[in-house]
Amino acid sequence: IGYSFAFGLVLTAQFGRTPLQAASLTFIG
């Protein structure tokens, strides 16, 4: 649950992904 909540935020904050780019990945895990 912790990673589920945080994964998208890490992608945007640490790797500079846009909301659409992050959302396209966050659901897979």
Full PDB file with SEQRES, HELIX, SHEET, SSBOND, CRYST1, ORIGX, SCALE, CONECT and MASTER records, all heavy atoms in Angstrom:
SEQRES   1 A   29  ILE GLY TYR SER PHE ALA PHE GLY LEU VAL LEU THR ALA          
SEQRES   2 A   29  GLN PHE GLY ARG THR PRO LEU GLN ALA ALA SER LEU THR          
SEQRES   3 A   29  PHE ILE GLY                                                  
HELIX    1 AA1 GLY A    2  PHE A   15  1                                  14    
HELIX    2 AA2 PRO A   19  THR A   26  1                                   8    
CRYST1    1.000    1.000    1.000  90.00  90.00  90.00 P 1           1          
ORIGX1      1.000000  0.000000  0.000000        0.00000                         
ORIGX2      0.000000  1.000000  0.000000        0.00000                         
ORIGX3      0.000000  0.000000  1.000000        0.00000                         
SCALE1      1.000000  0.000000  0.000000        0.00000                         
SCALE2      0.000000  1.000000  0.000000        0.00000                         
SCALE3      0.000000  0.000000  1.000000        0.00000                         
ATOM      1  N   ILE A   1       0.833  -1.203   0.000  1.00  0.00           N  
ATOM      2  CA  ILE A   1       0.000   0.000   0.000  1.00  0.00           C  
ATOM      3  C   ILE A   1       0.867   1.251   0.000  1.00  0.00           C  
ATOM      4  O   ILE A   1       0.537   2.257  -0.643  1.00  0.00           O  
ATOM      5  CB  ILE A   1      -0.996  -0.017   1.183  1.00  0.00           C  
ATOM      6  CG1 ILE A   1      -2.141   0.970   0.927  1.00  0.00           C  
ATOM      7  CG2 ILE A   1      -0.322   0.268   2.512  1.00  0.00           C  
ATOM      8  CD1 ILE A   1      -3.016   0.608  -0.252  1.00  0.00           C  
ATOM      9  N   GLY A   2       2.001   1.212   0.699  1.00  0.00           N  
ATOM     10  CA  GLY A   2       2.887   2.372   0.710  1.00  0.00           C  
ATOM     11  C   GLY A   2       3.456   2.675  -0.659  1.00  0.00           C  
ATOM     12  O   GLY A   2       3.456   3.820  -1.119  1.00  0.00           O  
ATOM     13  N   TYR A   3       3.938   1.654  -1.350  1.00  0.00           N  
ATOM     14  CA  TYR A   3       4.476   1.849  -2.700  1.00  0.00           C  
ATOM     15  C   TYR A   3       3.372   2.234  -3.691  1.00  0.00           C  
ATOM     16  O   TYR A   3       3.607   3.018  -4.608  1.00  0.00           O  
ATOM     17  CB  TYR A   3       5.175   0.575  -3.185  1.00  0.00           C  
ATOM     18  CG  TYR A   3       6.406   0.197  -2.410  1.00  0.00           C  
ATOM     19  CD1 TYR A   3       6.766  -1.140  -2.236  1.00  0.00           C  
ATOM     20  CD2 TYR A   3       7.230   1.168  -1.840  1.00  0.00           C  
ATOM     21  CE1 TYR A   3       7.907  -1.496  -1.529  1.00  0.00           C  
ATOM     22  CE2 TYR A   3       8.363   0.825  -1.139  1.00  0.00           C  
ATOM     23  CZ  TYR A   3       8.702  -0.515  -0.973  1.00  0.00           C  
ATOM     24  OH  TYR A   3       9.831  -0.855  -0.271  1.00  0.00           O  
ATOM     25  N   SER A   4       2.178   1.666  -3.505  1.00  0.00           N  
ATOM     26  CA  SER A   4       1.063   2.018  -4.390  1.00  0.00           C  
ATOM     27  C   SER A   4       0.749   3.496  -4.311  1.00  0.00           C  
ATOM     28  O   SER A   4       0.479   4.150  -5.325  1.00  0.00           O  
ATOM     29  CB  SER A   4      -0.177   1.189  -4.026  1.00  0.00           C  
ATOM     30  OG  SER A   4       0.037  -0.185  -4.228  1.00  0.00           O  
ATOM     31  N   PHE A   5       0.759   4.025  -3.083  1.00  0.00           N  
ATOM     32  CA  PHE A   5       0.477   5.451  -2.892  1.00  0.00           C  
ATOM     33  C   PHE A   5       1.608   6.326  -3.412  1.00  0.00           C  
ATOM     34  O   PHE A   5       1.382   7.425  -3.906  1.00  0.00           O  
ATOM     35  CB  PHE A   5       0.269   5.737  -1.397  1.00  0.00           C  
ATOM     36  CG  PHE A   5      -1.060   5.290  -0.852  1.00  0.00           C  
ATOM     37  CD1 PHE A   5      -1.921   4.497  -1.592  1.00  0.00           C  
ATOM     38  CD2 PHE A   5      -1.449   5.664   0.422  1.00  0.00           C  
ATOM     39  CE1 PHE A   5      -3.136   4.088  -1.085  1.00  0.00           C  
ATOM     40  CE2 PHE A   5      -2.676   5.265   0.946  1.00  0.00           C  
ATOM     41  CZ  PHE A   5      -3.521   4.469   0.190  1.00  0.00           C  
ATOM     42  N   ALA A   6       2.852   5.838  -3.279  1.00  0.00           N  
ATOM     43  CA  ALA A   6       4.011   6.704  -3.507  1.00  0.00           C  
ATOM     44  C   ALA A   6       4.611   6.619  -4.904  1.00  0.00           C  
ATOM     45  O   ALA A   6       5.320   7.552  -5.327  1.00  0.00           O  
ATOM     46  CB  ALA A   6       5.102   6.361  -2.480  1.00  0.00           C  
ATOM     47  N   PHE A   7       4.380   5.546  -5.641  1.00  0.00           N  
ATOM     48  CA  PHE A   7       5.100   5.286  -6.881  1.00  0.00           C  
ATOM     49  C   PHE A   7       4.970   6.441  -7.877  1.00  0.00           C  
ATOM     50  O   PHE A   7       5.961   6.939  -8.440  1.00  0.00           O  
ATOM     51  CB  PHE A   7       4.605   3.982  -7.500  1.00  0.00           C  
ATOM     52  CG  PHE A   7       5.417   3.487  -8.661  1.00  0.00           C  
ATOM     53  CD1 PHE A   7       6.784   3.709  -8.734  1.00  0.00           C  
ATOM     54  CD2 PHE A   7       4.811   2.776  -9.683  1.00  0.00           C  
ATOM     55  CE1 PHE A   7       7.535   3.241  -9.799  1.00  0.00           C  
ATOM     56  CE2 PHE A   7       5.550   2.300 -10.766  1.00  0.00           C  
ATOM     57  CZ  PHE A   7       6.913   2.533 -10.816  1.00  0.00           C  
ATOM     58  N   GLY A   8       3.745   6.892  -8.106  1.00  0.00           N  
ATOM     59  CA  GLY A   8       3.537   7.987  -9.056  1.00  0.00           C  
ATOM     60  C   GLY A   8       4.215   9.270  -8.620  1.00  0.00           C  
ATOM     61  O   GLY A   8       4.773  10.009  -9.450  1.00  0.00           O  
ATOM     62  N   LEU A   9       4.197   9.547  -7.316  1.00  0.00           N  
ATOM     63  CA  LEU A   9       4.834  10.760  -6.807  1.00  0.00           C  
ATOM     64  C   LEU A   9       6.350  10.701  -6.987  1.00  0.00           C  
ATOM     65  O   LEU A   9       6.990  11.707  -7.312  1.00  0.00           O  
ATOM     66  CB  LEU A   9       4.487  10.943  -5.325  1.00  0.00           C  
ATOM     67  CG  LEU A   9       3.021  11.260  -5.018  1.00  0.00           C  
ATOM     68  CD1 LEU A   9       2.785  11.300  -3.511  1.00  0.00           C  
ATOM     69  CD2 LEU A   9       2.605  12.578  -5.648  1.00  0.00           C  
ATOM     70  N   VAL A  10       6.940   9.503  -6.781  1.00  0.00           N  
ATOM     71  CA  VAL A  10       8.383   9.361  -6.983  1.00  0.00           C  
ATOM     72  C   VAL A  10       8.742   9.580  -8.454  1.00  0.00           C  
ATOM     73  O   VAL A  10       9.734  10.242  -8.787  1.00  0.00           O  
ATOM     74  CB  VAL A  10       8.864   7.978  -6.505  1.00  0.00           C  
ATOM     75  CG1 VAL A  10      10.334   7.766  -6.863  1.00  0.00           C  
ATOM     76  CG2 VAL A  10       8.672   7.834  -4.996  1.00  0.00           C  
ATOM     77  N   LEU A  11       7.930   9.041  -9.350  1.00  0.00           N  
ATOM     78  CA  LEU A  11       8.202   9.197 -10.779  1.00  0.00           C  
ATOM     79  C   LEU A  11       8.173  10.664 -11.206  1.00  0.00           C  
ATOM     80  O   LEU A  11       8.991  11.104 -12.022  1.00  0.00           O  
ATOM     81  CB  LEU A  11       7.187   8.401 -11.603  1.00  0.00           C  
ATOM     82  CG  LEU A  11       7.308   6.867 -11.534  1.00  0.00           C  
ATOM     83  CD1 LEU A  11       6.174   6.219 -12.312  1.00  0.00           C  
ATOM     84  CD2 LEU A  11       8.652   6.405 -12.069  1.00  0.00           C  
ATOM     85  N   THR A  12       7.237  11.437 -10.646  1.00  0.00           N  
ATOM     86  CA  THR A  12       7.161  12.853 -11.019  1.00  0.00           C  
ATOM     87  C   THR A  12       8.229  13.680 -10.310  1.00  0.00           C  
ATOM     88  O   THR A  12       8.843  14.562 -10.921  1.00  0.00           O  
ATOM     89  CB  THR A  12       5.762  13.430 -10.698  1.00  0.00           C  
ATOM     90  OG1 THR A  12       5.460  13.216  -9.310  1.00  0.00           O  
ATOM     91  CG2 THR A  12       4.698  12.762 -11.537  1.00  0.00           C  
ATOM     92  N   ALA A  13       8.480  13.400  -9.032  1.00  0.00           N  
ATOM     93  CA  ALA A  13       9.397  14.233  -8.247  1.00  0.00           C  
ATOM     94  C   ALA A  13      10.861  13.896  -8.496  1.00  0.00           C  
ATOM     95  O   ALA A  13      11.718  14.786  -8.534  1.00  0.00           O  
ATOM     96  CB  ALA A  13       9.080  14.100  -6.755  1.00  0.00           C  
ATOM     97  N   GLN A  14      11.197  12.599  -8.665  1.00  0.00           N  
ATOM     98  CA  GLN A  14      12.593  12.201  -8.797  1.00  0.00           C  
ATOM     99  C   GLN A  14      13.016  12.035 -10.252  1.00  0.00           C  
ATOM    100  O   GLN A  14      14.173  12.310 -10.595  1.00  0.00           O  
ATOM    101  CB  GLN A  14      12.842  10.895  -8.035  1.00  0.00           C  
ATOM    102  CG  GLN A  14      14.310  10.442  -8.057  1.00  0.00           C  
ATOM    103  CD  GLN A  14      14.573   9.306  -7.081  1.00  0.00           C  
ATOM    104  OE1 GLN A  14      13.869   9.149  -6.099  1.00  0.00           O  
ATOM    105  NE2 GLN A  14      15.586   8.514  -7.354  1.00  0.00           N  
ATOM    106  N   PHE A  15      12.107  11.582 -11.095  1.00  0.00           N  
ATOM    107  CA  PHE A  15      12.464  11.308 -12.482  1.00  0.00           C  
ATOM    108  C   PHE A  15      11.827  12.270 -13.481  1.00  0.00           C  
ATOM    109  O   PHE A  15      11.987  12.105 -14.695  1.00  0.00           O  
ATOM    110  CB  PHE A  15      12.094   9.864 -12.847  1.00  0.00           C  
ATOM    111  CG  PHE A  15      12.961   8.837 -12.171  1.00  0.00           C  
ATOM    112  CD1 PHE A  15      12.589   8.277 -10.961  1.00  0.00           C  
ATOM    113  CD2 PHE A  15      14.175   8.455 -12.726  1.00  0.00           C  
ATOM    114  CE1 PHE A  15      13.388   7.340 -10.324  1.00  0.00           C  
ATOM    115  CE2 PHE A  15      14.987   7.526 -12.101  1.00  0.00           C  
ATOM    116  CZ  PHE A  15      14.598   6.972 -10.896  1.00  0.00           C  
ATOM    117  N   GLY A  16      11.117  13.292 -12.983  1.00  0.00           N  
ATOM    118  CA  GLY A  16      10.610  14.345 -13.843  1.00  0.00           C  
ATOM    119  C   GLY A  16       9.555  13.916 -14.844  1.00  0.00           C  
ATOM    120  O   GLY A  16       9.379  14.554 -15.881  1.00  0.00           O  
ATOM    121  N   ARG A  17       8.808  12.846 -14.535  1.00  0.00           N  
ATOM    122  CA  ARG A  17       7.751  12.414 -15.450  1.00  0.00           C  
ATOM    123  C   ARG A  17       6.559  13.357 -15.373  1.00  0.00           C  
ATOM    124  O   ARG A  17       6.249  13.919 -14.323  1.00  0.00           O  
ATOM    125  CB  ARG A  17       7.259  11.010 -15.117  1.00  0.00           C  
ATOM    126  CG  ARG A  17       8.299   9.903 -15.171  1.00  0.00           C  
ATOM    127  CD  ARG A  17       8.848   9.706 -16.582  1.00  0.00           C  
ATOM    128  NE  ARG A  17      10.050  10.504 -16.799  1.00  0.00           N  
ATOM    129  CZ  ARG A  17      10.708  10.563 -17.953  1.00  0.00           C  
ATOM    130  NH1 ARG A  17      10.270   9.887 -19.002  1.00  0.00           N  
ATOM    131  NH2 ARG A  17      11.799  11.295 -18.058  1.00  0.00           N  
ATOM    132  N   THR A  18       5.869  13.566 -16.492  1.00  0.00           N  
ATOM    133  CA  THR A  18       4.641  14.355 -16.505  1.00  0.00           C  
ATOM    134  C   THR A  18       3.529  13.536 -15.857  1.00  0.00           C  
ATOM    135  O   THR A  18       3.644  12.312 -15.701  1.00  0.00           O  
ATOM    136  CB  THR A  18       4.228  14.708 -17.937  1.00  0.00           C  
ATOM    137  OG1 THR A  18       3.853  13.492 -18.621  1.00  0.00           O  
ATOM    138  CG2 THR A  18       5.361  15.400 -18.683  1.00  0.00           C  
ATOM    139  N   PRO A  19       2.391  14.183 -15.463  1.00  0.00           N  
ATOM    140  CA  PRO A  19       1.281  13.411 -14.891  1.00  0.00           C  
ATOM    141  C   PRO A  19       0.828  12.262 -15.783  1.00  0.00           C  
ATOM    142  O   PRO A  19       0.566  11.162 -15.299  1.00  0.00           O  
ATOM    143  CB  PRO A  19       0.190  14.466 -14.718  1.00  0.00           C  
ATOM    144  CG  PRO A  19       0.930  15.736 -14.492  1.00  0.00           C  
ATOM    145  CD  PRO A  19       2.138  15.637 -15.378  1.00  0.00           C  
ATOM    146  N   LEU A  20       0.739  12.491 -17.090  1.00  0.00           N  
ATOM    147  CA  LEU A  20       0.295  11.439 -18.000  1.00  0.00           C  
ATOM    148  C   LEU A  20       1.323  10.318 -18.068  1.00  0.00           C  
ATOM    149  O   LEU A  20       0.968   9.121 -18.053  1.00  0.00           O  
ATOM    150  CB  LEU A  20       0.050  12.009 -19.398  1.00  0.00           C  
ATOM    151  CG  LEU A  20      -0.437  11.005 -20.457  1.00  0.00           C  
ATOM    152  CD1 LEU A  20      -1.745  10.354 -20.006  1.00  0.00           C  
ATOM    153  CD2 LEU A  20      -0.604  11.693 -21.810  1.00  0.00           C  
ATOM    154  N   GLN A  21       2.614  10.673 -18.129  1.00  0.00           N  
ATOM    155  CA  GLN A  21       3.662   9.648 -18.165  1.00  0.00           C  
ATOM    156  C   GLN A  21       3.665   8.818 -16.879  1.00  0.00           C  
ATOM    157  O   GLN A  21       3.817   7.589 -16.916  1.00  0.00           O  
ATOM    158  CB  GLN A  21       5.021  10.306 -18.374  1.00  0.00           C  
ATOM    159  CG  GLN A  21       5.221  10.883 -19.765  1.00  0.00           C  
ATOM    160  CD  GLN A  21       6.480  11.742 -19.865  1.00  0.00           C  
ATOM    161  OE1 GLN A  21       6.918  12.345 -18.877  1.00  0.00           O  
ATOM    162  NE2 GLN A  21       7.065  11.811 -21.059  1.00  0.00           N  
ATOM    163  N   ALA A  22       3.511   9.491 -15.733  1.00  0.00           N  
ATOM    164  CA  ALA A  22       3.490   8.774 -14.455  1.00  0.00           C  
ATOM    165  C   ALA A  22       2.260   7.875 -14.357  1.00  0.00           C  
ATOM    166  O   ALA A  22       2.353   6.709 -13.955  1.00  0.00           O  
ATOM    167  CB  ALA A  22       3.513   9.769 -13.297  1.00  0.00           C  
ATOM    168  N   ALA A  23       1.087   8.411 -14.742  1.00  0.00           N  
ATOM    169  CA  ALA A  23      -0.151   7.638 -14.647  1.00  0.00           C  
ATOM    170  C   ALA A  23      -0.120   6.420 -15.545  1.00  0.00           C  
ATOM    171  O   ALA A  23      -0.758   5.398 -15.249  1.00  0.00           O  
ATOM    172  CB  ALA A  23      -1.343   8.527 -15.006  1.00  0.00           C  
ATOM    173  N   SER A  24       0.632   6.493 -16.660  1.00  0.00           N  
ATOM    174  CA  SER A  24       0.699   5.349 -17.571  1.00  0.00           C  
ATOM    175  C   SER A  24       1.499   4.197 -16.995  1.00  0.00           C  
ATOM    176  O   SER A  24       1.477   3.090 -17.537  1.00  0.00           O  
ATOM    177  CB  SER A  24       1.313   5.792 -18.907  1.00  0.00           C  
ATOM    178  OG  SER A  24       2.677   6.143 -18.748  1.00  0.00           O  
ATOM    179  N   LEU A  25       2.212   4.433 -15.872  1.00  0.00           N  
ATOM    180  CA  LEU A  25       3.043   3.406 -15.257  1.00  0.00           C  
ATOM    181  C   LEU A  25       2.570   2.973 -13.871  1.00  0.00           C  
ATOM    182  O   LEU A  25       2.792   1.827 -13.468  1.00  0.00           O  
ATOM    183  CB  LEU A  25       4.486   3.913 -15.142  1.00  0.00           C  
ATOM    184  CG  LEU A  25       5.219   4.206 -16.454  1.00  0.00           C  
ATOM    185  CD1 LEU A  25       6.509   4.965 -16.167  1.00  0.00           C  
ATOM    186  CD2 LEU A  25       5.520   2.917 -17.201  1.00  0.00           C  
ATOM    187  N   THR A  26       1.927   3.883 -13.151  1.00  0.00           N  
ATOM    188  CA  THR A  26       1.665   3.623 -11.733  1.00  0.00           C  
ATOM    189  C   THR A  26       0.739   2.442 -11.485  1.00  0.00           C  
ATOM    190  O   THR A  26       0.860   1.761 -10.466  1.00  0.00           O  
ATOM    191  CB  THR A  26       1.075   4.864 -11.056  1.00  0.00           C  
ATOM    192  OG1 THR A  26      -0.067   5.310 -11.804  1.00  0.00           O  
ATOM    193  CG2 THR A  26       2.085   5.985 -10.960  1.00  0.00           C  
ATOM    194  N   PHE A  27      -0.198   2.171 -12.381  1.00  0.00           N  
ATOM    195  CA  PHE A  27      -1.179   1.118 -12.134  1.00  0.00           C  
ATOM    196  C   PHE A  27      -0.604  -0.281 -12.326  1.00  0.00           C  
ATOM    197  O   PHE A  27      -1.169  -1.261 -11.807  1.00  0.00           O  
ATOM    198  CB  PHE A  27      -2.392   1.296 -13.057  1.00  0.00           C  
ATOM    199  CG  PHE A  27      -2.141   0.916 -14.492  1.00  0.00           C  
ATOM    200  CD1 PHE A  27      -2.420  -0.359 -14.939  1.00  0.00           C  
ATOM    201  CD2 PHE A  27      -1.599   1.837 -15.382  1.00  0.00           C  
ATOM    202  CE1 PHE A  27      -2.186  -0.716 -16.255  1.00  0.00           C  
ATOM    203  CE2 PHE A  27      -1.364   1.493 -16.699  1.00  0.00           C  
ATOM    204  CZ  PHE A  27      -1.649   0.201 -17.139  1.00  0.00           C  
ATOM    205  N   ILE A  28       0.513  -0.421 -13.051  1.00  0.00           N  
ATOM    206  CA  ILE A  28       1.011  -1.746 -13.407  1.00  0.00           C  
ATOM    207  C   ILE A  28       1.425  -2.537 -12.166  1.00  0.00           C  
ATOM    208  O   ILE A  28       1.031  -3.705 -11.993  1.00  0.00           O  
ATOM    209  CB  ILE A  28       2.203  -1.631 -14.382  1.00  0.00           C  
ATOM    210  CG1 ILE A  28       1.767  -0.942 -15.672  1.00  0.00           C  
ATOM    211  CG2 ILE A  28       2.776  -3.014 -14.683  1.00  0.00           C  
ATOM    212  CD1 ILE A  28       2.915  -0.634 -16.628  1.00  0.00           C  
ATOM    213  N   GLY A  29       2.213  -1.936 -11.288  1.00  0.00           N  
ATOM    214  CA  GLY A  29       2.676  -2.638 -10.097  1.00  0.00           C  
ATOM    215  C   GLY A  29       1.544  -3.065  -9.178  1.00  0.00           C  
ATOM    216  O   GLY A  29       1.455  -4.246  -8.815  1.00  0.00           O  
TER     217      GLY A  29                                                      
MASTER        0    0    0    2    0    0    0    6  216    1    0    3          
END                                                                             
